[in-house]
Amino acid sequence: MQQHQFQHHTQAAERPHLAQVRLEADMLRGAVLAAAVRGTVRGVRALTSRVRQKAA
């Protein structure tokens, strides 16, 4: 019984930490996604610029 209570207490204590880790992972994922989108937009703009220069 004593061991079970300790285990339950430990799991409860780890929950906020787990939530923090998940939040940080979500933020990192968002930052990576944003960087990928910015890179893609930059690439498309550069390509469009080159196509326009060749057409002119």
N, C-alpha and C. Protein backbone atom coordinates (compact mmCIF):
# COMPACT_ATOMS: atom_id res chain seq x y z
N MET A 1 0.83 -1.19 0.00
CA MET A 1 0.00 0.00 0.00
C MET A 1 0.88 1.26 0.00
N GLN A 2 1.90 1.24 0.83
CA GLN A 2 2.80 2.40 0.93
C GLN A 2 3.50 2.67 -0.40
N GLN A 3 3.95 1.63 -1.06
CA GLN A 3 4.65 1.77 -2.33
C GLN A 3 3.70 2.33 -3.40
N HIS A 4 2.46 1.89 -3.38
CA HIS A 4 1.47 2.36 -4.35
C HIS A 4 1.23 3.87 -4.19
N GLN A 5 1.12 4.33 -2.93
CA GLN A 5 0.92 5.76 -2.69
C GLN A 5 2.12 6.58 -3.18
N PHE A 6 3.30 6.07 -2.96
CA PHE A 6 4.51 6.76 -3.40
C PHE A 6 4.53 6.87 -4.93
N GLN A 7 4.17 5.77 -5.58
CA GLN A 7 4.16 5.75 -7.05
C GLN A 7 3.13 6.75 -7.57
N HIS A 8 1.96 6.79 -6.95
CA HIS A 8 0.92 7.73 -7.38
C HIS A 8 1.39 9.18 -7.18
N HIS A 9 2.03 9.44 -6.04
CA HIS A 9 2.54 10.78 -5.76
C HIS A 9 3.59 11.19 -6.79
N THR A 10 4.46 10.26 -7.15
CA THR A 10 5.51 10.54 -8.12
C THR A 10 4.91 10.87 -9.49
N GLN A 11 3.91 10.10 -9.91
CA GLN A 11 3.25 10.36 -11.19
C GLN A 11 2.58 11.73 -11.19
N ALA A 12 1.92 12.07 -10.09
CA ALA A 12 1.26 13.37 -9.99
C ALA A 12 2.29 14.50 -10.04
N ALA A 13 3.43 14.29 -9.41
CA ALA A 13 4.48 15.31 -9.41
C ALA A 13 5.10 15.49 -10.79
N GLU A 14 5.12 14.44 -11.59
CA GLU A 14 5.73 14.51 -12.92
C GLU A 14 4.78 15.11 -13.96
N ARG A 15 3.49 15.16 -13.68
CA ARG A 15 2.54 15.66 -14.68
C ARG A 15 2.82 17.09 -15.13
N PRO A 16 3.04 18.04 -14.21
CA PRO A 16 3.34 19.40 -14.68
C PRO A 16 4.61 19.45 -15.54
N HIS A 17 5.61 18.66 -15.15
CA HIS A 17 6.84 18.60 -15.93
C HIS A 17 6.55 18.06 -17.33
N LEU A 18 5.72 17.04 -17.40
CA LEU A 18 5.35 16.45 -18.69
C LEU A 18 4.61 17.47 -19.54
N ALA A 19 3.72 18.23 -18.92
CA ALA A 19 2.98 19.28 -19.64
C ALA A 19 3.96 20.33 -20.17
N GLN A 20 4.95 20.68 -19.38
CA GLN A 20 5.95 21.67 -19.80
C GLN A 20 6.76 21.15 -20.99
N VAL A 21 7.15 19.89 -20.91
CA VAL A 21 7.92 19.28 -22.01
C VAL A 21 7.08 19.24 -23.28
N ARG A 22 5.81 18.89 -23.14
CA ARG A 22 4.92 18.87 -24.32
C ARG A 22 4.75 20.26 -24.91
N LEU A 23 4.60 21.26 -24.04
CA LEU A 23 4.46 22.64 -24.51
C LEU A 23 5.71 23.08 -25.26
N GLU A 24 6.88 22.78 -24.70
CA GLU A 24 8.13 23.15 -25.36
C GLU A 24 8.29 22.42 -26.69
N ALA A 25 7.87 21.16 -26.75
CA ALA A 25 7.94 20.40 -28.00
C ALA A 25 7.01 21.02 -29.04
N ASP A 26 5.81 21.42 -28.62
CA ASP A 26 4.87 22.07 -29.54
C ASP A 26 5.42 23.39 -30.05
N MET A 27 6.04 24.16 -29.16
CA MET A 27 6.62 25.44 -29.56
C MET A 27 7.76 25.24 -30.55
N LEU A 28 8.59 24.24 -30.29
CA LEU A 28 9.70 23.94 -31.18
C LEU A 28 9.18 23.50 -32.55
N ARG A 29 8.15 22.64 -32.53
CA ARG A 29 7.55 22.18 -33.78
C ARG A 29 7.00 23.36 -34.57
N GLY A 30 6.35 24.30 -33.87
CA GLY A 30 5.82 25.49 -34.53
C GLY A 30 6.92 26.35 -35.12
N ALA A 31 8.02 26.48 -34.39
CA ALA A 31 9.14 27.28 -34.88
C ALA A 31 9.77 26.64 -36.12
N VAL A 32 9.91 25.33 -36.10
CA VAL A 32 10.47 24.62 -37.25
C VAL A 32 9.55 24.75 -38.46
N LEU A 33 8.25 24.62 -38.23
CA LEU A 33 7.28 24.75 -39.31
C LEU A 33 7.31 26.17 -39.89
N ALA A 34 7.38 27.17 -39.02
CA ALA A 34 7.43 28.56 -39.47
C ALA A 34 8.69 28.81 -40.30
N ALA A 35 9.82 28.27 -39.87
CA ALA A 35 11.07 28.44 -40.61
C ALA A 35 10.98 27.76 -41.98
N ALA A 36 10.35 26.60 -42.03
CA ALA A 36 10.19 25.89 -43.30
C ALA A 36 9.30 26.69 -44.25
N VAL A 37 8.22 27.25 -43.72
CA VAL A 37 7.32 28.06 -44.55
C VAL A 37 8.05 29.30 -45.07
N ARG A 38 8.81 29.97 -44.19
CA ARG A 38 9.57 31.16 -44.62
C ARG A 38 10.57 30.79 -45.71
N GLY A 39 11.26 29.68 -45.55
CA GLY A 39 12.23 29.23 -46.54
C GLY A 39 11.56 28.92 -47.87
N THR A 40 10.40 28.29 -47.81
CA THR A 40 9.66 27.96 -49.04
C THR A 40 9.21 29.22 -49.74
N VAL A 41 8.67 30.17 -48.98
CA VAL A 41 8.21 31.44 -49.57
C VAL A 41 9.38 32.18 -50.20
N ARG A 42 10.51 32.21 -49.51
CA ARG A 42 11.71 32.87 -50.03
C ARG A 42 12.15 32.21 -51.34
N GLY A 43 12.13 30.88 -51.37
CA GLY A 43 12.51 30.14 -52.57
C GLY A 43 11.59 30.41 -53.74
N VAL A 44 10.29 30.43 -53.47
CA VAL A 44 9.30 30.70 -54.53
C VAL A 44 9.48 32.12 -55.06
N ARG A 45 9.71 33.08 -54.17
CA ARG A 45 9.92 34.47 -54.61
C ARG A 45 11.17 34.60 -55.47
N ALA A 46 12.24 33.92 -55.08
CA ALA A 46 13.48 33.97 -55.86
C ALA A 46 13.27 33.35 -57.23
N LEU A 47 12.57 32.24 -57.27
CA LEU A 47 12.29 31.56 -58.53
C LEU A 47 11.41 32.44 -59.43
N THR A 48 10.40 33.05 -58.85
CA THR A 48 9.51 33.94 -59.60
C THR A 48 10.29 35.12 -60.16
N SER A 49 11.19 35.66 -59.37
CA SER A 49 12.02 36.78 -59.79
C SER A 49 12.89 36.39 -60.99
N ARG A 50 13.49 35.20 -60.92
CA ARG A 50 14.33 34.73 -62.03
C ARG A 50 13.51 34.52 -63.30
N VAL A 51 12.33 33.97 -63.16
CA VAL A 51 11.47 33.72 -64.32
C VAL A 51 11.06 35.05 -64.96
N ARG A 52 10.74 36.04 -64.11
CA ARG A 52 10.35 37.36 -64.64
C ARG A 52 11.51 38.03 -65.36
N GLN A 53 12.73 37.89 -64.81
CA GLN A 53 13.90 38.50 -65.44
C GLN A 53 14.18 37.87 -66.80
N LYS A 54 14.01 36.56 -66.89
CA LYS A 54 14.24 35.88 -68.17
C LYS A 54 13.18 36.25 -69.19
N ALA A 55 11.94 36.44 -68.72
CA ALA A 55 10.84 36.78 -69.62
C ALA A 55 10.97 38.22 -70.12
N ALA A 56 11.57 39.09 -69.35
CA ALA A 56 11.65 40.52 -69.72
C ALA A 56 12.74 40.79 -70.74
